[in-house]
Amino acid sequence: MHLVKKIEIIANSFELAKILESLKKSGVHGHAVIRNVEGEGLRGGSEDLDMTMLDNVYIVAFCMPEQIKTVAENVRPLLNKFGGTCYISDVMEIRSVKCVASL
């Protein structure tokens, strides 16, 4: 087992391609996308994204700890411009490092 970073992004589906491209640019090549995400925001009401005519997506990806600064630098401007949120956490990967790096 070894430590990796988990990246969770909730954003407007219209920006999905740009977000995935920014992850790829950061060296994160594997991801999962869940469409039609709904929820209540931290502010106690519906998120601003819920008020649009477009669906929201949940993106989850994993990377090595040394990649996370580049990921944040590439994703942050998109989220600041178009809305959305990103959470980064430490998790344990049980597969080999070689498999994680090949994602």
PDB file of N, CA and C in Angstrom:
ATOM      1  N   MET A   1       0.846  -1.182   0.000  1.00  0.00           N
ATOM      2  CA  MET A   1       0.000   0.000   0.000  1.00  0.00           C
ATOM      3  C   MET A   1       0.892   1.246   0.000  1.00  0.00           C
ATOM      4  N   HIS A   2       0.345   2.305  -0.585  1.00  0.00           N
ATOM      5  CA  HIS A   2       1.075   3.559  -0.588  1.00  0.00           C
ATOM      6  C   HIS A   2       0.094   4.719  -0.690  1.00  0.00           C
ATOM      7  N   LEU A   3       0.575   5.879  -0.282  1.00  0.00           N
ATOM      8  CA  LEU A   3      -0.248   7.083  -0.253  1.00  0.00           C
ATOM      9  C   LEU A   3      -0.393   7.673  -1.652  1.00  0.00           C
ATOM     10  N   VAL A   4      -1.634   8.022  -2.020  1.00  0.00           N
ATOM     11  CA  VAL A   4      -1.921   8.762  -3.243  1.00  0.00           C
ATOM     12  C   VAL A   4      -2.888   9.882  -2.892  1.00  0.00           C
ATOM     13  N   LYS A   5      -3.089  10.788  -3.812  1.00  0.00           N
ATOM     14  CA  LYS A   5      -4.038  11.885  -3.628  1.00  0.00           C
ATOM     15  C   LYS A   5      -5.302  11.585  -4.410  1.00  0.00           C
ATOM     16  N   LYS A   6      -6.433  11.821  -3.767  1.00  0.00           N
ATOM     17  CA  LYS A   6      -7.742  11.661  -4.405  1.00  0.00           C
ATOM     18  C   LYS A   6      -8.249  13.062  -4.748  1.00  0.00           C
ATOM     19  N   ILE A   7      -8.636  13.244  -5.994  1.00  0.00           N
ATOM     20  CA  ILE A   7      -9.136  14.523  -6.480  1.00  0.00           C
ATOM     21  C   ILE A   7     -10.620  14.342  -6.787  1.00  0.00           C
ATOM     22  N   GLU A   8     -11.460  15.140  -6.140  1.00  0.00           N
ATOM     23  CA  GLU A   8     -12.899  15.095  -6.383  1.00  0.00           C
ATOM     24  C   GLU A   8     -13.347  16.474  -6.851  1.00  0.00           C
ATOM     25  N   ILE A   9     -13.985  16.521  -8.004  1.00  0.00           N
ATOM     26  CA  ILE A   9     -14.426  17.788  -8.570  1.00  0.00           C
ATOM     27  C   ILE A   9     -15.914  17.693  -8.879  1.00  0.00           C
ATOM     28  N   ILE A  10     -16.670  18.700  -8.455  1.00  0.00           N
ATOM     29  CA  ILE A  10     -18.077  18.823  -8.832  1.00  0.00           C
ATOM     30  C   ILE A  10     -18.188  20.113  -9.612  1.00  0.00           C
ATOM     31  N   ALA A  11     -18.682  20.008 -10.842  1.00  0.00           N
ATOM     32  CA  ALA A  11     -18.728  21.173 -11.719  1.00  0.00           C
ATOM     33  C   ALA A  11     -19.852  21.028 -12.728  1.00  0.00           C
ATOM     34  N   ASN A  12     -20.062  22.082 -13.476  1.00  0.00           N
ATOM     35  CA  ASN A  12     -21.053  22.089 -14.536  1.00  0.00           C
ATOM     36  C   ASN A  12     -20.568  21.201 -15.671  1.00  0.00           C
ATOM     37  N   SER A  13     -21.439  20.374 -16.223  1.00  0.00           N
ATOM     38  CA  SER A  13     -21.032  19.439 -17.265  1.00  0.00           C
ATOM     39  C   SER A  13     -20.512  20.144 -18.511  1.00  0.00           C
ATOM     40  N   PHE A  14     -20.915  21.383 -18.714  1.00  0.00           N
ATOM     41  CA  PHE A  14     -20.451  22.147 -19.870  1.00  0.00           C
ATOM     42  C   PHE A  14     -18.935  22.310 -19.854  1.00  0.00           C
ATOM     43  N   GLU A  15     -18.341  22.309 -18.668  1.00  0.00           N
ATOM     44  CA  GLU A  15     -16.897  22.506 -18.525  1.00  0.00           C
ATOM     45  C   GLU A  15     -16.123  21.195 -18.396  1.00  0.00           C
ATOM     46  N   LEU A  16     -16.801  20.071 -18.551  1.00  0.00           N
ATOM     47  CA  LEU A  16     -16.168  18.767 -18.341  1.00  0.00           C
ATOM     48  C   LEU A  16     -14.917  18.586 -19.199  1.00  0.00           C
ATOM     49  N   ALA A  17     -14.992  18.862 -20.475  1.00  0.00           N
ATOM     50  CA  ALA A  17     -13.842  18.653 -21.367  1.00  0.00           C
ATOM     51  C   ALA A  17     -12.639  19.493 -20.927  1.00  0.00           C
ATOM     52  N   LYS A  18     -12.881  20.726 -20.529  1.00  0.00           N
ATOM     53  CA  LYS A  18     -11.789  21.602 -20.084  1.00  0.00           C
ATOM     54  C   LYS A  18     -11.153  21.071 -18.804  1.00  0.00           C
ATOM     55  N   ILE A  19     -11.986  20.582 -17.888  1.00  0.00           N
ATOM     56  CA  ILE A  19     -11.457  20.055 -16.625  1.00  0.00           C
ATOM     57  C   ILE A  19     -10.643  18.792 -16.876  1.00  0.00           C
ATOM     58  N   LEU A  20     -11.168  17.890 -17.706  1.00  0.00           N
ATOM     59  CA  LEU A  20     -10.438  16.661 -18.001  1.00  0.00           C
ATOM     60  C   LEU A  20      -9.125  16.962 -18.715  1.00  0.00           C
ATOM     61  N   GLU A  21      -9.135  17.947 -19.591  1.00  0.00           N
ATOM     62  CA  GLU A  21      -7.902  18.346 -20.276  1.00  0.00           C
ATOM     63  C   GLU A  21      -6.886  18.905 -19.274  1.00  0.00           C
ATOM     64  N   SER A  22      -7.355  19.675 -18.291  1.00  0.00           N
ATOM     65  CA  SER A  22      -6.434  20.222 -17.291  1.00  0.00           C
ATOM     66  C   SER A  22      -5.843  19.108 -16.425  1.00  0.00           C
ATOM     67  N   LEU A  23      -6.634  18.077 -16.126  1.00  0.00           N
ATOM     68  CA  LEU A  23      -6.113  16.931 -15.381  1.00  0.00           C
ATOM     69  C   LEU A  23      -5.050  16.207 -16.211  1.00  0.00           C
ATOM     70  N   LYS A  24      -5.356  15.980 -17.486  1.00  0.00           N
ATOM     71  CA  LYS A  24      -4.416  15.301 -18.374  1.00  0.00           C
ATOM     72  C   LYS A  24      -3.116  16.095 -18.496  1.00  0.00           C
ATOM     73  N   LYS A  25      -3.238  17.410 -18.633  1.00  0.00           N
ATOM     74  CA  LYS A  25      -2.084  18.300 -18.715  1.00  0.00           C
ATOM     75  C   LYS A  25      -1.219  18.196 -17.453  1.00  0.00           C
ATOM     76  N   SER A  26      -1.859  17.885 -16.331  1.00  0.00           N
ATOM     77  CA  SER A  26      -1.166  17.756 -15.050  1.00  0.00           C
ATOM     78  C   SER A  26      -0.548  16.380 -14.852  1.00  0.00           C
ATOM     79  N   GLY A  27      -0.757  15.481 -15.807  1.00  0.00           N
ATOM     80  CA  GLY A  27      -0.221  14.130 -15.684  1.00  0.00           C
ATOM     81  C   GLY A  27      -1.175  13.133 -15.077  1.00  0.00           C
ATOM     82  N   VAL A  28      -2.434  13.530 -14.897  1.00  0.00           N
ATOM     83  CA  VAL A  28      -3.460  12.641 -14.357  1.00  0.00           C
ATOM     84  C   VAL A  28      -4.278  12.126 -15.541  1.00  0.00           C
ATOM     85  N   HIS A  29      -4.077  10.854 -15.897  1.00  0.00           N
ATOM     86  CA  HIS A  29      -4.694  10.330 -17.111  1.00  0.00           C
ATOM     87  C   HIS A  29      -5.896   9.431 -16.855  1.00  0.00           C
ATOM     88  N   GLY A  30      -6.092   8.987 -15.644  1.00  0.00           N
ATOM     89  CA  GLY A  30      -7.242   8.152 -15.318  1.00  0.00           C
ATOM     90  C   GLY A  30      -8.256   8.930 -14.508  1.00  0.00           C
ATOM     91  N   HIS A  31      -9.518   8.706 -14.782  1.00  0.00           N
ATOM     92  CA  HIS A  31     -10.571   9.403 -14.029  1.00  0.00           C
ATOM     93  C   HIS A  31     -11.894   8.655 -14.205  1.00  0.00           C
ATOM     94  N   ALA A  32     -12.853   9.005 -13.391  1.00  0.00           N
ATOM     95  CA  ALA A  32     -14.224   8.523 -13.530  1.00  0.00           C
ATOM     96  C   ALA A  32     -15.134   9.740 -13.487  1.00  0.00           C
ATOM     97  N   VAL A  33     -16.195   9.706 -14.272  1.00  0.00           N
ATOM     98  CA  VAL A  33     -17.154  10.809 -14.324  1.00  0.00           C
ATOM     99  C   VAL A  33     -18.541  10.253 -14.017  1.00  0.00           C
ATOM    100  N   ILE A  34     -19.213  10.886 -13.077  1.00  0.00           N
ATOM    101  CA  ILE A  34     -20.608  10.550 -12.763  1.00  0.00           C
ATOM    102  C   ILE A  34     -21.432  11.763 -13.153  1.00  0.00           C
ATOM    103  N   ARG A  35     -22.411  11.550 -13.996  1.00  0.00           N
ATOM    104  CA  ARG A  35     -23.224  12.654 -14.527  1.00  0.00           C
ATOM    105  C   ARG A  35     -24.511  12.851 -13.723  1.00  0.00           C
ATOM    106  N   ASN A  36     -25.145  13.977 -13.936  1.00  0.00           N
ATOM    107  CA  ASN A  36     -26.432  14.309 -13.310  1.00  0.00           C
ATOM    108  C   ASN A  36     -26.358  14.321 -11.786  1.00  0.00           C
ATOM    109  N   VAL A  37     -25.358  15.003 -11.263  1.00  0.00           N
ATOM    110  CA  VAL A  37     -25.140  15.081  -9.821  1.00  0.00           C
ATOM    111  C   VAL A  37     -25.974  16.220  -9.243  1.00  0.00           C
ATOM    112  N   GLU A  38     -26.649  15.945  -8.142  1.00  0.00           N
ATOM    113  CA  GLU A  38     -27.416  16.962  -7.432  1.00  0.00           C
ATOM    114  C   GLU A  38     -26.983  16.963  -5.981  1.00  0.00           C
ATOM    115  N   GLY A  39     -27.258  18.059  -5.290  1.00  0.00           N
ATOM    116  CA  GLY A  39     -26.937  18.090  -3.882  1.00  0.00           C
ATOM    117  C   GLY A  39     -27.180  19.449  -3.284  1.00  0.00           C
ATOM    118  N   GLU A  40     -26.930  19.523  -1.990  1.00  0.00           N
ATOM    119  CA  GLU A  40     -27.067  20.770  -1.261  1.00  0.00           C
ATOM    120  C   GLU A  40     -25.677  21.243  -0.895  1.00  0.00           C
ATOM    121  N   GLY A  41     -25.414  22.531  -1.112  1.00  0.00           N
ATOM    122  CA  GLY A  41     -24.089  23.081  -0.879  1.00  0.00           C
ATOM    123  C   GLY A  41     -23.820  23.391   0.571  1.00  0.00           C
ATOM    124  N   LEU A  42     -22.592  23.770   0.831  1.00  0.00           N
ATOM    125  CA  LEU A  42     -22.170  24.107   2.190  1.00  0.00           C
ATOM    126  C   LEU A  42     -22.886  25.339   2.723  1.00  0.00           C
ATOM    127  N   ARG A  43     -23.416  26.157   1.814  1.00  0.00           N
ATOM    128  CA  ARG A  43     -24.093  27.384   2.243  1.00  0.00           C
ATOM    129  C   ARG A  43     -25.536  27.124   2.678  1.00  0.00           C
ATOM    130  N   GLY A  44     -25.945  25.869   2.680  1.00  0.00           N
ATOM    131  CA  GLY A  44     -27.257  25.534   3.195  1.00  0.00           C
ATOM    132  C   GLY A  44     -28.358  25.499   2.163  1.00  0.00           C
ATOM    133  N   GLY A  45     -28.097  25.930   0.960  1.00  0.00           N
ATOM    134  CA  GLY A  45     -29.101  25.903  -0.093  1.00  0.00           C
ATOM    135  C   GLY A  45     -28.556  25.203  -1.305  1.00  0.00           C
ATOM    136  N   SER A  46     -29.291  25.265  -2.387  1.00  0.00           N
ATOM    137  CA  SER A  46     -28.812  24.659  -3.620  1.00  0.00           C
ATOM    138  C   SER A  46     -27.582  25.412  -4.105  1.00  0.00           C
ATOM    139  N   GLU A  47     -26.642  24.680  -4.627  1.00  0.00           N
ATOM    140  CA  GLU A  47     -25.453  25.305  -5.203  1.00  0.00           C
ATOM    141  C   GLU A  47     -25.857  26.130  -6.411  1.00  0.00           C
ATOM    142  N   ASP A  48     -25.063  27.130  -6.734  1.00  0.00           N
ATOM    143  CA  ASP A  48     -25.306  27.940  -7.919  1.00  0.00           C
ATOM    144  C   ASP A  48     -25.404  27.072  -9.159  1.00  0.00           C
ATOM    145  N   LEU A  49     -24.632  25.983  -9.190  1.00  0.00           N
ATOM    146  CA  LEU A  49     -24.657  25.109 -10.354  1.00  0.00           C
ATOM    147  C   LEU A  49     -26.027  24.478 -10.554  1.00  0.00           C
ATOM    148  N   ASP A  50     -26.761  24.260  -9.474  1.00  0.00           N
ATOM    149  CA  ASP A  50     -28.076  23.633  -9.575  1.00  0.00           C
ATOM    150  C   ASP A  50     -29.092  24.550 -10.245  1.00  0.00           C
ATOM    151  N   MET A  51     -28.786  25.827 -10.325  1.00  0.00           N
ATOM    152  CA  MET A  51     -29.718  26.783 -10.883  1.00  0.00           C
ATOM    153  C   MET A  51     -29.603  26.913 -12.398  1.00  0.00           C
ATOM    154  N   THR A  52     -28.640  26.233 -12.996  1.00  0.00           N
ATOM    155  CA  THR A  52     -28.458  26.335 -14.434  1.00  0.00           C
ATOM    156  C   THR A  52     -29.277  25.265 -15.136  1.00  0.00           C
ATOM    157  N   MET A  53     -29.350  25.401 -16.430  1.00  0.00           N
ATOM    158  CA  MET A  53     -30.069  24.419 -17.235  1.00  0.00           C
ATOM    159  C   MET A  53     -29.190  23.203 -17.548  1.00  0.00           C
ATOM    160  N   LEU A  54     -27.934  23.264 -17.174  1.00  0.00           N
ATOM    161  CA  LEU A  54     -27.006  22.186 -17.478  1.00  0.00           C
ATOM    162  C   LEU A  54     -26.845  21.268 -16.274  1.00  0.00           C
ATOM    163  N   ASP A  55     -26.481  20.034 -16.550  1.00  0.00           N
ATOM    164  CA  ASP A  55     -26.265  19.057 -15.491  1.00  0.00           C
ATOM    165  C   ASP A  55     -24.899  19.242 -14.855  1.00  0.00           C
ATOM    166  N   ASN A  56     -24.771  18.756 -13.642  1.00  0.00           N
ATOM    167  CA  ASN A  56     -23.504  18.775 -12.935  1.00  0.00           C
ATOM    168  C   ASN A  56     -22.841  17.417 -13.074  1.00  0.00           C
ATOM    169  N   VAL A  57     -21.518  17.403 -12.965  1.00  0.00           N
ATOM    170  CA  VAL A  57     -20.760  16.163 -13.014  1.00  0.00           C
ATOM    171  C   VAL A  57     -19.888  16.054 -11.778  1.00  0.00           C
ATOM    172  N   TYR A  58     -19.601  14.823 -11.411  1.00  0.00           N
ATOM    173  CA  TYR A  58     -18.670  14.513 -10.327  1.00  0.00           C
ATOM    174  C   TYR A  58     -17.509  13.775 -10.978  1.00  0.00           C
ATOM    175  N   ILE A  59     -16.325  14.309 -10.814  1.00  0.00           N
ATOM    176  CA  ILE A  59     -15.121  13.718 -11.394  1.00  0.00           C
ATOM    177  C   ILE A  59     -14.254  13.242 -10.243  1.00  0.00           C
ATOM    178  N   VAL A  60     -13.787  12.022 -10.328  1.00  0.00           N
ATOM    179  CA  VAL A  60     -12.851  11.515  -9.330  1.00  0.00           C
ATOM    180  C   VAL A  60     -11.621  10.995 -10.072  1.00  0.00           C
ATOM    181  N   ALA A  61     -10.460  11.353  -9.544  1.00  0.00           N
ATOM    182  CA  ALA A  61      -9.193  10.932 -10.133  1.00  0.00           C
ATOM    183  C   ALA A  61      -8.176  10.766  -9.011  1.00  0.00           C
ATOM    184  N   PHE A  62      -7.092  10.101  -9.327  1.00  0.00           N
ATOM    185  CA  PHE A  62      -6.047   9.858  -8.342  1.00  0.00           C
ATOM    186  C   PHE A  62      -4.700  10.195  -8.962  1.00  0.00           C
ATOM    187  N   CYS A  63      -3.783  10.663  -8.118  1.00  0.00           N
ATOM    188  CA  CYS A  63      -2.440  10.958  -8.606  1.00  0.00           C
ATOM    189  C   CYS A  63      -1.437  10.755  -7.477  1.00  0.00           C
ATOM    190  N   MET A  64      -0.187  10.796  -7.852  1.00  0.00           N
ATOM    191  CA  MET A  64       0.886  10.704  -6.869  1.00  0.00           C
ATOM    192  C   MET A  64       0.980  12.033  -6.125  1.00  0.00           C
ATOM    193  N   PRO A  65       1.385  12.030  -4.861  1.00  0.00           N
ATOM    194  CA  PRO A  65       1.441  13.266  -4.074  1.00  0.00           C
ATOM    195  C   PRO A  65       2.251  14.389  -4.721  1.00  0.00           C
ATOM    196  N   GLU A  66       3.319  14.048  -5.417  1.00  0.00           N
ATOM    197  CA  GLU A  66       4.150  15.093  -6.023  1.00  0.00           C
ATOM    198  C   GLU A  66       3.478  15.785  -7.215  1.00  0.00           C
ATOM    199  N   GLN A  67       2.381  15.241  -7.723  1.00  0.00           N
ATOM    200  CA  GLN A  67       1.661  15.848  -8.838  1.00  0.00           C
ATOM    201  C   GLN A  67       0.599  16.853  -8.395  1.00  0.00           C
ATOM    202  N   ILE A  68       0.234  16.864  -7.128  1.00  0.00           N
ATOM    203  CA  ILE A  68      -0.955  17.595  -6.698  1.00  0.00           C
ATOM    204  C   ILE A  68      -0.823  19.107  -6.844  1.00  0.00           C
ATOM    205  N   LYS A  69       0.352  19.648  -6.680  1.00  0.00           N
ATOM    206  CA  LYS A  69       0.533  21.095  -6.849  1.00  0.00           C
ATOM    207  C   LYS A  69       0.213  21.502  -8.285  1.00  0.00           C
ATOM    208  N   THR A  70       0.684  20.741  -9.249  1.00  0.00           N
ATOM    209  CA  THR A  70       0.407  21.016 -10.661  1.00  0.00           C
ATOM    210  C   THR A  70      -1.082  20.869 -10.955  1.00  0.00           C
ATOM    211  N   VAL A  71      -1.714  19.854 -10.386  1.00  0.00           N
ATOM    212  CA  VAL A  71      -3.155  19.665 -10.573  1.00  0.00           C
ATOM    213  C   VAL A  71      -3.906  20.898 -10.074  1.00  0.00           C
ATOM    214  N   ALA A  72      -3.602  21.325  -8.865  1.00  0.00           N
ATOM    215  CA  ALA A  72      -4.296  22.489  -8.292  1.00  0.00           C
ATOM    216  C   ALA A  72      -4.075  23.739  -9.137  1.00  0.00           C
ATOM    217  N   GLU A  73      -2.849  23.936  -9.605  1.00  0.00           N
ATOM    218  CA  GLU A  73      -2.544  25.113 -10.432  1.00  0.00           C
ATOM    219  C   GLU A  73      -3.314  25.100 -11.752  1.00  0.00           C
ATOM    220  N   ASN A  74      -3.572  23.919 -12.304  1.00  0.00           N
ATOM    221  CA  ASN A  74      -4.280  23.820 -13.579  1.00  0.00           C
ATOM    222  C   ASN A  74      -5.801  23.823 -13.433  1.00  0.00           C
ATOM    223  N   VAL A  75      -6.316  23.280 -12.343  1.00  0.00           N
ATOM    224  CA  VAL A  75      -7.771  23.178 -12.158  1.00  0.00           C
ATOM    225  C   VAL A  75      -8.355  24.448 -11.541  1.00  0.00           C
ATOM    226  N   ARG A  76      -7.649  25.058 -10.618  1.00  0.00           N
ATOM    227  CA  ARG A  76      -8.155  26.231  -9.890  1.00  0.00           C
ATOM    228  C   ARG A  76      -8.675  27.343 -10.807  1.00  0.00           C
ATOM    229  N   PRO A  77      -7.939  27.753 -11.838  1.00  0.00           N
ATOM    230  CA  PRO A  77      -8.450  28.833 -12.695  1.00  0.00           C
ATOM    231  C   PRO A  77      -9.773  28.494 -13.379  1.00  0.00           C
ATOM    232  N   LEU A  78      -9.946  27.252 -13.770  1.00  0.00           N
ATOM    233  CA  LEU A  78     -11.212  26.841 -14.396  1.00  0.00           C
ATOM    234  C   LEU A  78     -12.365  26.938 -13.416  1.00  0.00           C
ATOM    235  N   LEU A  79     -12.150  26.453 -12.199  1.00  0.00           N
ATOM    236  CA  LEU A  79     -13.217  26.491 -11.196  1.00  0.00           C
ATOM    237  C   LEU A  79     -13.523  27.927 -10.788  1.00  0.00           C
ATOM    238  N   ASN A  80     -12.496  28.761 -10.696  1.00  0.00           N
ATOM    239  CA  ASN A  80     -12.718  30.167 -10.357  1.00  0.00           C
ATOM    240  C   ASN A  80     -13.506  30.880 -11.448  1.00  0.00           C
ATOM    241  N   LYS A  81     -13.250  30.534 -12.695  1.00  0.00           N
ATOM    242  CA  LYS A  81     -13.915  31.195 -13.815  1.00  0.00           C
ATOM    243  C   LYS A  81     -15.325  30.662 -14.053  1.00  0.00           C
ATOM    244  N   PHE A  82     -15.484  29.342 -14.004  1.00  0.00           N
ATOM    245  CA  PHE A  82     -16.747  28.728 -14.399  1.00  0.00           C
ATOM    246  C   PHE A  82     -17.569  28.181 -13.237  1.00  0.00           C
ATOM    247  N   GLY A  83     -17.018  28.171 -12.041  1.00  0.00           N
ATOM    248  CA  GLY A  83     -17.734  27.625 -10.889  1.00  0.00           C
ATOM    249  C   GLY A  83     -17.415  26.154 -10.690  1.00  0.00           C
ATOM    250  N   GLY A  84     -17.791  25.675  -9.543  1.00  0.00           N
ATOM    251  CA  GLY A  84     -17.517  24.292  -9.197  1.00  0.00           C
ATOM    252  C   GLY A  84     -16.649  24.235  -7.958  1.00  0.00           C
ATOM    253  N   THR A  85     -16.338  23.026  -7.539  1.00  0.00           N
ATOM    254  CA  THR A  85     -15.531  22.847  -6.335  1.00  0.00           C
ATOM    255  C   THR A  85     -14.608  21.647  -6.509  1.00  0.00           C
ATOM    256  N   CYS A  86     -13.502  21.664  -5.797  1.00  0.00           N
ATOM    257  CA  CYS A  86     -12.538  20.570  -5.861  1.00  0.00           C
ATOM    258  C   CYS A  86     -12.079  20.244  -4.453  1.00  0.00           C
ATOM    259  N   TYR A  87     -12.031  18.964  -4.152  1.00  0.00           N
ATOM    260  CA  TYR A  87     -11.526  18.494  -2.870  1.00  0.00           C
ATOM    261  C   TYR A  87     -10.366  17.546  -3.134  1.00  0.00           C
ATOM    262  N   ILE A  88      -9.327  17.664  -2.329  1.00  0.00           N
ATOM    263  CA  ILE A  88      -8.156  16.807  -2.460  1.00  0.00           C
ATOM    264  C   ILE A  88      -7.913  16.160  -1.105  1.00  0.00           C
ATOM    265  N   SER A  89      -7.748  14.847  -1.108  1.00  0.00           N
ATOM    266  CA  SER A  89      -7.536  14.148   0.153  1.00  0.00           C
ATOM    267  C   SER A  89      -6.478  13.057  -0.015  1.00  0.00           C
ATOM    268  N   ASP A  90      -5.946  12.612   1.110  1.00  0.00           N
ATOM    269  CA  ASP A  90      -4.980  11.514   1.130  1.00  0.00           C
ATOM    270  C   ASP A  90      -5.742  10.206   1.238  1.00  0.00           C
ATOM    271  N   VAL A  91      -5.381   9.264   0.396  1.00  0.00           N
ATOM    272  CA  VAL A  91      -5.968   7.929   0.455  1.00  0.00           C
ATOM    273  C   VAL A  91      -4.861   6.904   0.233  1.00  0.00           C
ATOM    274  N   MET A  92      -5.155   5.659   0.541  1.00  0.00           N
ATOM    275  CA  MET A  92      -4.176   4.595   0.346  1.00  0.00           C
ATOM    276  C   MET A  92      -4.557   3.764  -0.871  1.00  0.00           C
ATOM    277  N   GLU A  93      -3.600   3.556  -1.742  1.00  0.00           N
ATOM    278  CA  GLU A  93      -3.744   2.719  -2.932  1.00  0.00           C
ATOM    279  C   GLU A  93      -3.158   1.358  -2.604  1.00  0.00           C
ATOM    280  N   ILE A  94      -3.875   0.286  -2.916  1.00  0.00           N
ATOM    281  CA  ILE A  94      -3.357  -1.039  -2.573  1.00  0.00           C
ATOM    282  C   ILE A  94      -2.724  -1.753  -3.766  1.00  0.00           C
ATOM    283  N   ARG A  95      -2.872  -1.175  -4.960  1.00  0.00           N
ATOM    284  CA  ARG A  95      -2.191  -1.762  -6.116  1.00  0.00           C
ATOM    285  C   ARG A  95      -0.760  -1.263  -6.159  1.00  0.00           C
ATOM    286  N   SER A  96       0.017  -1.789  -7.083  1.00  0.00           N
ATOM    287  CA  SER A  96       1.413  -1.367  -7.179  1.00  0.00           C
ATOM    288  C   SER A  96       1.532   0.070  -7.672  1.00  0.00           C
ATOM    289  N   VAL A  97       2.624   0.729  -7.354  1.00  0.00           N
ATOM    290  CA  VAL A  97       2.891   2.090  -7.796  1.00  0.00           C
ATOM    291  C   VAL A  97       2.885   2.150  -9.318  1.00  0.00           C
ATOM    292  N   LYS A  98       3.396   1.124  -9.964  1.00  0.00           N
ATOM    293  CA  LYS A  98       3.439   1.077 -11.426  1.00  0.00           C
ATOM    294  C   LYS A  98       2.037   1.202 -12.013  1.00  0.00           C
ATOM    295  N   CYS A  99       1.035   0.558 -11.427  1.00  0.00           N
ATOM    296  CA  CYS A  99      -0.339   0.637 -11.915  1.00  0.00           C
ATOM    297  C   CYS A  99      -0.895   2.031 -11.743  1.00  0.00           C
ATOM    298  N   VAL A 100      -0.653   2.685 -10.611  1.00  0.00           N
ATOM    299  CA  VAL A 100      -1.148   4.030 -10.370  1.00  0.00           C
ATOM    300  C   VAL A 100      -0.534   4.991 -11.369  1.00  0.00           C
ATOM    301  N   ALA A 101       0.766   4.875 -11.588  1.00  0.00           N
ATOM    302  CA  ALA A 101       1.450   5.783 -12.504  1.00  0.00           C
ATOM    303  C   ALA A 101       0.967   5.607 -13.934  1.00  0.00           C
ATOM    304  N   SER A 102       0.468   4.431 -14.282  1.00  0.00           N
ATOM    305  CA  SER A 102       0.028   4.193 -15.661  1.00  0.00           C
ATOM    306  C   SER A 102      -1.386   4.686 -15.910  1.00  0.00           C
ATOM    307  N   LEU A 103      -2.104   5.105 -14.874  1.00  0.00           N
ATOM    308  CA  LEU A 103      -3.458   5.616 -15.077  1.00  0.00           C
ATOM    309  C   LEU A 103      -3.409   6.756 -15.943  1.00  0.00           C
TER     310      LEU A 103
END
